Amino acid sequence: MSEDRTLVEEATVKINSIEELKRDELLRVLETFNFARIVGLVTKPSIDESMRKLREQFDASKDGPTTGEHHSAVRSNYQKMSIGRARHSGVDRPRFMRTIYNPLWAPDIYGLRESFRAVARVRNLLGDRDINFATDKPEGGMWTAARLHHFPAGGGFMVAHKDTVLPAIYKRENAGAFFQPVLLLTERGRDYQEGGGFAEIRGRRVNYEDYTERGDIAVYDTTTVHGVEDIDPKAPYHHDKIEGRLSGLVTLFKDLDSPRE
């Protein structure tokens, strides 16, 4: 077993339900590795069905621009390209991806509602909130921005970074501690061949998607350096297809506004 695989395995928590997930254990893993992986909470068949629906319904003509949309747009089923350096959000974070918003109160067009709720409960457990906080409607001035990140084949990527914008909003809004659980919707070797998610685990840069499967949940905190290596850079980029890497996020956004990713 390689050193990278060993690190990912040691940072893994295996459960069958949210009731089995122990906050203290998960915090200990994050403190030790600056990364955690949760296995068993979301199933492969549910992800496969959701990805089938996404690919069937996808329409690239609906893509909005990287920024400039009204804040109400992202509170509905909405998609946009996220390309460039993201300076409009107050950071310098080069990336090439598509963001597809699918809020928990919007029509469940991809069948991801329960998967998103499961991951939101992980977020709430870590943040020491009520387990169902903002899983159906805004609460405490915050709402769950359930969305997909699509890193397309042909070079989709995100530069190495730590999360800074959202933790600052959490602190300002007294919304509890920031943790970012990320639902993996694709697998390297199956949906794409090169690149994938990486994180610095115990000071070592690890391409963790060499050892994960769809349905796994990767967890970052504010100390985690992470990003996405170029997805299938030797493949042609097709704007009108869902090819490459996909992940799901359930970050809390401020009720009346949102950061510009």
Protein backbone atom coordinates (compact mmCIF):
# COMPACT_ATOMS: atom_id res chain seq x y z
CA MET A 1 0.00 0.00 0.00
CA SER A 2 1.48 3.36 -1.04
CA GLU A 3 2.01 6.15 1.47
CA ASP A 4 -0.73 8.23 -0.16
CA ARG A 5 -3.24 5.39 -0.02
CA THR A 6 -2.33 4.77 3.61
CA LEU A 7 -2.98 8.41 4.49
CA VAL A 8 -6.39 8.39 2.79
CA GLU A 9 -7.36 5.11 4.48
CA GLU A 10 -6.26 6.37 7.90
CA ALA A 11 -8.33 9.52 7.38
CA THR A 12 -11.44 7.48 6.49
CA VAL A 13 -14.55 7.12 8.67
CA LYS A 14 -16.96 4.35 7.64
CA ILE A 15 -20.65 4.68 8.58
CA ASN A 16 -24.08 3.58 7.40
CA SER A 17 -26.15 6.46 8.79
CA ILE A 18 -25.67 9.97 10.15
CA GLU A 19 -26.47 8.63 13.64
CA GLU A 20 -23.25 6.58 13.51
CA LEU A 21 -21.09 9.62 12.78
CA LYS A 22 -19.37 10.87 15.94
CA ARG A 23 -18.41 14.53 15.92
CA ASP A 24 -15.42 14.10 18.23
CA GLU A 25 -14.02 11.29 16.09
CA LEU A 26 -14.39 13.28 12.89
CA LEU A 27 -12.81 16.38 14.43
CA ARG A 28 -9.90 14.25 15.63
CA VAL A 29 -9.36 12.95 12.10
CA LEU A 30 -9.45 16.48 10.67
CA GLU A 31 -7.02 17.75 13.30
CA THR A 32 -4.63 14.89 12.54
CA PHE A 33 -4.79 14.91 8.73
CA ASN A 34 -6.31 18.31 7.71
CA PHE A 35 -8.64 16.10 5.67
CA ALA A 36 -11.26 13.41 6.21
CA ARG A 37 -13.15 10.93 4.06
CA ILE A 38 -16.60 9.58 4.95
CA VAL A 39 -17.70 6.33 3.32
CA GLY A 40 -21.15 4.70 3.37
CA LEU A 41 -23.53 7.61 3.92
CA VAL A 42 -24.42 8.09 0.23
CA THR A 43 -24.79 5.07 -2.06
CA LYS A 44 -23.42 4.51 -5.56
CA PRO A 45 -26.81 3.59 -7.10
CA SER A 46 -28.34 6.89 -5.98
CA ILE A 47 -25.42 8.81 -7.47
CA ASP A 48 -25.57 6.83 -10.73
CA GLU A 49 -29.25 7.66 -11.15
CA SER A 50 -28.65 11.35 -10.44
CA MET A 51 -25.79 11.55 -12.92
CA ARG A 52 -27.97 9.87 -15.55
CA LYS A 53 -30.65 12.53 -15.04
CA LEU A 54 -28.07 15.32 -15.14
CA ARG A 55 -26.58 14.15 -18.43
CA GLU A 56 -30.01 13.67 -19.99
CA GLN A 57 -31.20 17.16 -19.03
CA PHE A 58 -28.02 19.15 -19.46
CA ASP A 59 -28.29 22.15 -21.79
CA ALA A 60 -25.16 24.27 -22.25
CA SER A 61 -27.23 27.13 -23.70
CA LYS A 62 -28.43 27.82 -20.15
CA ASP A 63 -24.93 28.72 -18.92
CA GLY A 64 -24.74 32.16 -17.37
CA PRO A 65 -21.55 34.24 -17.20
CA THR A 66 -18.99 33.87 -14.44
CA THR A 67 -20.40 36.81 -12.47
CA GLY A 68 -23.00 39.54 -12.66
CA GLU A 69 -26.15 37.52 -11.95
CA HIS A 70 -28.69 38.83 -9.44
CA HIS A 71 -28.29 37.12 -6.06
CA SER A 72 -31.78 35.62 -6.44
CA ALA A 73 -30.66 33.62 -9.50
CA VAL A 74 -28.56 31.19 -7.49
CA ARG A 75 -31.52 30.51 -5.19
CA SER A 76 -33.10 28.50 -8.03
CA ASN A 77 -31.98 25.88 -10.54
CA TYR A 78 -29.33 27.91 -12.31
CA GLN A 79 -26.00 27.21 -13.98
CA LYS A 80 -23.03 29.35 -14.91
CA MET A 81 -19.44 29.08 -16.02
CA SER A 82 -16.81 29.80 -13.38
CA ILE A 83 -13.71 30.76 -15.34
CA GLY A 84 -10.83 33.11 -14.58
CA ARG A 85 -9.16 34.31 -11.39
CA ALA A 86 -12.29 34.94 -9.27
CA ARG A 87 -11.10 38.39 -8.19
CA HIS A 88 -14.72 39.54 -8.12
CA SER A 89 -15.13 37.38 -4.98
CA GLY A 90 -12.21 39.04 -3.19
CA VAL A 91 -9.66 36.29 -3.83
CA ASP A 92 -7.20 35.34 -6.55
CA ARG A 93 -8.23 31.77 -7.30
CA PRO A 94 -7.80 30.62 -10.90
CA ARG A 95 -10.23 27.90 -11.99
CA PHE A 96 -12.06 26.46 -14.97
CA MET A 97 -15.38 24.88 -14.03
CA ARG A 98 -19.15 25.09 -14.25
CA THR A 99 -21.40 25.64 -11.22
CA ILE A 100 -24.91 24.16 -11.30
CA TYR A 101 -27.15 25.39 -8.44
CA ASN A 102 -29.88 23.03 -7.23
CA PRO A 103 -31.23 24.46 -3.93
CA LEU A 104 -33.08 22.12 -1.59
CA TRP A 105 -36.40 23.89 -2.15
CA ALA A 106 -36.05 24.00 -5.97
CA PRO A 107 -37.47 21.22 -8.19
CA ASP A 108 -35.38 18.11 -7.56
CA ILE A 109 -34.56 17.67 -11.24
CA TYR A 110 -31.44 15.53 -10.65
CA GLY A 111 -32.76 13.39 -7.78
CA LEU A 112 -30.02 14.72 -5.49
CA ARG A 113 -32.26 16.07 -2.72
CA GLU A 114 -31.64 13.34 -0.16
CA SER A 115 -27.94 13.08 -0.99
CA PHE A 116 -27.56 16.83 -0.48
CA ARG A 117 -29.47 16.64 2.81
CA ALA A 118 -27.20 13.85 4.04
CA VAL A 119 -24.10 15.93 3.33
CA ALA A 120 -25.70 19.03 4.88
CA ARG A 121 -26.22 17.05 8.08
CA VAL A 122 -22.49 16.26 8.12
CA ARG A 123 -21.84 20.01 7.77
CA ASN A 124 -24.21 20.75 10.64
CA LEU A 125 -22.78 18.06 12.89
CA LEU A 126 -19.27 19.42 12.42
CA GLY A 127 -20.44 23.01 12.93
CA ASP A 128 -22.22 21.98 16.17
CA ARG A 129 -25.61 23.11 14.84
CA ASP A 130 -28.96 21.37 14.94
CA ILE A 131 -28.55 18.38 12.64
CA ASN A 132 -31.28 19.64 10.27
CA PHE A 133 -30.28 23.31 10.30
CA ALA A 134 -31.21 24.97 6.96
CA THR A 135 -31.79 21.63 5.22
CA ASP A 136 -35.23 22.71 3.93
CA LYS A 137 -35.47 26.48 4.28
CA PRO A 138 -33.36 29.49 5.35
CA GLU A 139 -32.60 29.65 9.05
CA GLY A 140 -30.72 32.20 11.09
CA GLY A 141 -30.13 34.34 8.01
CA MET A 142 -28.43 31.46 6.15
CA TRP A 143 -29.49 28.98 3.43
CA THR A 144 -27.99 25.83 1.93
CA ALA A 145 -26.48 26.58 -1.47
CA ALA A 146 -26.70 23.02 -2.79
CA ARG A 147 -24.81 22.91 -6.06
CA LEU A 148 -22.62 20.88 -8.39
CA HIS A 149 -19.11 21.75 -9.48
CA HIS A 150 -18.30 20.41 -12.94
CA PHE A 151 -14.63 20.33 -13.91
CA PRO A 152 -14.82 19.45 -17.59
CA ALA A 153 -12.60 17.03 -19.46
CA GLY A 154 -10.14 19.03 -21.51
CA GLY A 155 -8.58 20.91 -18.61
CA GLY A 156 -11.04 21.70 -15.83
CA PHE A 157 -9.16 22.65 -12.66
CA MET A 158 -8.99 24.72 -9.48
CA VAL A 159 -5.74 26.09 -8.09
CA ALA A 160 -4.50 24.99 -4.66
CA HIS A 161 -6.08 27.16 -1.96
CA LYS A 162 -7.56 27.37 1.51
CA ASP A 163 -11.19 28.43 1.94
CA THR A 164 -11.26 32.02 3.17
CA VAL A 165 -14.31 33.87 1.80
CA LEU A 166 -17.02 31.65 3.28
CA PRO A 167 -15.34 31.19 6.70
CA ALA A 168 -15.29 34.98 7.02
CA ILE A 169 -19.03 35.11 6.28
CA TYR A 170 -19.72 32.34 8.81
CA LYS A 171 -17.82 34.29 11.45
CA ARG A 172 -19.56 37.58 10.64
CA GLU A 173 -22.98 35.94 10.73
CA ASN A 174 -22.21 33.92 13.89
CA ALA A 175 -23.11 30.82 11.86
CA GLY A 176 -20.84 28.35 13.61
CA ALA A 177 -17.55 26.79 12.54
CA PHE A 178 -16.81 26.35 8.85
CA PHE A 179 -16.26 22.90 7.37
CA GLN A 180 -16.65 21.94 3.72
CA PRO A 181 -17.92 18.41 3.06
CA VAL A 182 -17.72 17.60 -0.67
CA LEU A 183 -19.76 14.77 -2.20
CA LEU A 184 -17.80 12.96 -4.92
CA LEU A 185 -20.11 12.23 -7.86
CA THR A 186 -17.55 10.73 -10.25
CA GLU A 187 -14.54 8.42 -10.11
CA ARG A 188 -11.09 8.64 -11.63
CA GLY A 189 -10.56 5.75 -14.05
CA ARG A 190 -14.28 5.54 -14.74
CA ASP A 191 -15.51 9.05 -15.54
CA TYR A 192 -12.13 10.67 -16.25
CA GLN A 193 -8.58 9.36 -16.51
CA GLU A 194 -6.23 12.14 -15.36
CA GLY A 195 -6.33 14.76 -12.62
CA GLY A 196 -8.83 14.99 -9.79
CA GLY A 197 -9.20 16.35 -6.29
CA PHE A 198 -6.13 16.79 -4.11
CA ALA A 199 -5.43 17.92 -0.57
CA GLU A 200 -2.40 18.42 1.62
CA ILE A 201 -2.64 15.57 4.12
CA ARG A 202 -0.14 15.78 6.97
CA GLY A 203 1.94 18.13 4.83
CA ARG A 204 1.96 15.81 1.81
CA ARG A 205 0.07 16.67 -1.39
CA VAL A 206 -2.18 13.69 -2.10
CA ASN A 207 -4.35 13.11 -5.17
CA TYR A 208 -7.00 11.50 -2.99
CA GLU A 209 -9.34 10.63 -5.87
CA ASP A 210 -6.89 7.89 -6.82
CA TYR A 211 -8.37 6.06 -3.80
CA THR A 212 -11.99 7.27 -3.54
CA GLU A 213 -15.28 6.26 -5.18
CA ARG A 214 -18.49 8.05 -6.13
CA GLY A 215 -20.63 8.58 -3.04
CA ASP A 216 -17.63 9.21 -0.78
CA ILE A 217 -17.51 12.53 1.07
CA ALA A 218 -14.24 14.46 1.34
CA VAL A 219 -14.14 16.97 4.20
CA TYR A 220 -12.00 20.11 4.45
CA ASP A 221 -11.62 22.67 7.21
CA THR A 222 -10.12 26.16 7.10
CA THR A 223 -6.58 24.75 7.33
CA THR A 224 -6.93 22.38 4.36
CA VAL A 225 -4.98 23.23 1.22
CA HIS A 226 -6.96 21.66 -1.62
CA GLY A 227 -7.87 21.98 -5.27
CA VAL A 228 -8.42 20.05 -8.49
CA GLU A 229 -5.65 18.91 -10.83
CA ASP A 230 -6.29 19.37 -14.57
CA ILE A 231 -8.99 16.94 -15.69
CA ASP A 232 -8.04 14.93 -18.80
CA PRO A 233 -5.89 17.72 -20.27
CA LYS A 234 -5.14 15.65 -23.41
CA ALA A 235 -8.85 15.31 -24.26
CA PRO A 236 -10.76 17.88 -26.34
CA TYR A 237 -13.03 20.21 -24.39
CA HIS A 238 -16.74 19.90 -25.29
CA HIS A 239 -18.77 22.80 -23.94
CA ASP A 240 -22.06 21.03 -24.59
CA LYS A 241 -21.37 17.79 -22.68
CA ILE A 242 -21.08 16.76 -19.04
CA GLU A 243 -17.70 15.05 -19.21
CA GLY A 244 -15.05 15.02 -16.49
CA ARG A 245 -15.24 15.41 -12.73
CA LEU A 246 -18.31 16.40 -10.70
CA SER A 247 -18.76 17.07 -7.01
CA GLY A 248 -21.61 18.28 -4.80
CA LEU A 249 -21.45 21.01 -2.12
CA VAL A 250 -23.92 22.21 0.50
CA THR A 251 -22.30 25.38 1.80
CA LEU A 252 -24.28 27.84 3.91
CA PHE A 253 -24.73 31.16 2.12
CA LYS A 254 -26.07 34.36 3.62
CA ASP A 255 -29.86 34.60 3.21
CA LEU A 256 -30.07 37.72 1.04
CA ASP A 257 -26.80 37.50 -0.82
CA SER A 258 -24.07 35.09 -1.79
CA PRO A 259 -20.34 35.20 -2.49
CA ARG A 260 -19.38 35.32 -6.15
CA GLU A 261 -17.51 32.10 -6.77
